[in-house]
């Protein structure tokens, strides 16, 4: 919710917002489980981000293999919500 104003200010159809329920600010660091008490294990957060990151990198390279993930047609996790 802290980024709602920034998200609302973005323009263009290529923008995506990924929200991970149960993740925290430090969830994507090597010491996530030591800094915060969050329900999402660090390994799960890393796996979700790896999938979305790879899909984005493929699209940037002209490969649409990851399009179902980036377009929201394929769910990566019940804890991951993708919006445009």
Protein backbone atom coordinates (compact mmCIF):
# COMPACT_ATOMS: atom_id res chain seq x y z
CA UNK A 1 0.00 0.00 0.00
CA UNK A 2 2.97 2.33 0.44
CA UNK A 3 3.48 2.32 -3.34
CA UNK A 4 -0.16 2.92 -4.30
CA UNK A 5 0.44 6.56 -5.30
CA UNK A 6 3.47 5.61 -7.41
CA UNK A 7 1.56 2.79 -9.08
CA UNK A 8 -1.36 5.11 -9.87
CA UNK A 9 1.05 7.61 -11.48
CA UNK A 10 2.50 5.06 -13.93
CA UNK A 11 1.26 5.30 -17.47
CA UNK A 12 1.35 2.77 -20.26
CA UNK A 13 -0.04 -0.70 -20.83
CA UNK A 14 3.17 -2.61 -20.15
CA UNK A 15 3.19 -1.96 -16.39
CA UNK A 16 2.68 -4.86 -14.01
CA UNK A 17 2.35 -4.92 -10.23
CA UNK A 18 3.09 -8.08 -8.30
CA UNK A 19 1.89 -8.39 -4.71
CA UNK A 20 3.03 -11.35 -2.61
CA UNK A 21 0.78 -12.03 0.36
CA UNK A 22 2.82 -13.00 3.38
CA UNK A 23 6.04 -11.41 2.15
CA UNK A 24 7.79 -8.52 3.83
CA UNK A 25 10.23 -5.79 2.92
CA UNK A 26 13.26 -8.02 3.54
CA UNK A 27 11.72 -11.20 2.09
CA UNK A 28 14.02 -11.17 -0.92
CA UNK A 29 17.37 -10.99 0.78
CA UNK A 30 19.68 -13.79 1.82
CA UNK A 31 18.82 -13.19 5.48
CA UNK A 32 15.07 -12.65 5.17
CA UNK A 33 14.05 -15.21 7.77
CA UNK A 34 16.42 -13.66 10.29
CA UNK A 35 15.20 -10.05 9.98
CA UNK A 36 11.44 -10.35 9.82
CA UNK A 37 8.74 -12.62 11.10
CA UNK A 38 6.70 -13.13 7.92
CA UNK A 39 4.52 -16.06 6.88
CA UNK A 40 6.11 -16.56 3.45
CA UNK A 41 9.36 -18.54 3.57
CA UNK A 42 12.24 -16.88 1.73
CA UNK A 43 12.59 -19.85 -0.64
CA UNK A 44 8.99 -19.47 -1.80
CA UNK A 45 9.41 -15.75 -2.41
CA UNK A 46 12.63 -16.32 -4.35
CA UNK A 47 10.96 -18.97 -6.52
CA UNK A 48 8.01 -16.71 -7.36
CA UNK A 49 10.29 -13.79 -8.22
CA UNK A 50 12.54 -16.03 -10.31
CA UNK A 51 9.55 -17.11 -12.41
CA UNK A 52 8.30 -13.57 -12.97
CA UNK A 53 11.83 -12.27 -13.55
CA UNK A 54 12.57 -14.93 -16.15
CA UNK A 55 9.25 -14.26 -17.91
CA UNK A 56 10.10 -10.55 -18.03
CA UNK A 57 13.64 -11.18 -19.31
CA UNK A 58 12.32 -13.50 -22.02
CA UNK A 59 9.79 -10.89 -23.14
CA UNK A 60 12.48 -8.19 -23.18
CA UNK A 61 14.50 -10.47 -25.49
CA UNK A 62 11.53 -10.93 -27.84
CA UNK A 63 10.56 -14.39 -26.59
CA UNK A 64 6.90 -14.68 -25.58
CA UNK A 65 7.31 -18.03 -23.77
CA UNK A 66 6.58 -16.33 -20.44
CA UNK A 67 3.62 -14.31 -21.75
CA UNK A 68 0.97 -16.35 -19.86
CA UNK A 69 2.71 -15.48 -16.59
CA UNK A 70 3.12 -11.76 -17.35
CA UNK A 71 -0.39 -11.45 -18.76
CA UNK A 72 -1.94 -13.12 -15.71
CA UNK A 73 -3.23 -16.12 -17.66
CA UNK A 74 -1.05 -18.56 -15.71
CA UNK A 75 -0.95 -18.52 -11.91
CA UNK A 76 2.45 -18.87 -10.31
CA UNK A 77 1.23 -19.06 -6.70
CA UNK A 78 -2.00 -18.48 -4.81
CA UNK A 79 -0.01 -15.91 -2.81
CA UNK A 80 1.01 -13.93 -5.93
CA UNK A 81 -1.40 -11.33 -7.34
CA UNK A 82 -0.49 -9.70 -10.62
CA UNK A 83 -2.27 -6.56 -11.75
CA UNK A 84 -1.90 -4.06 -14.57
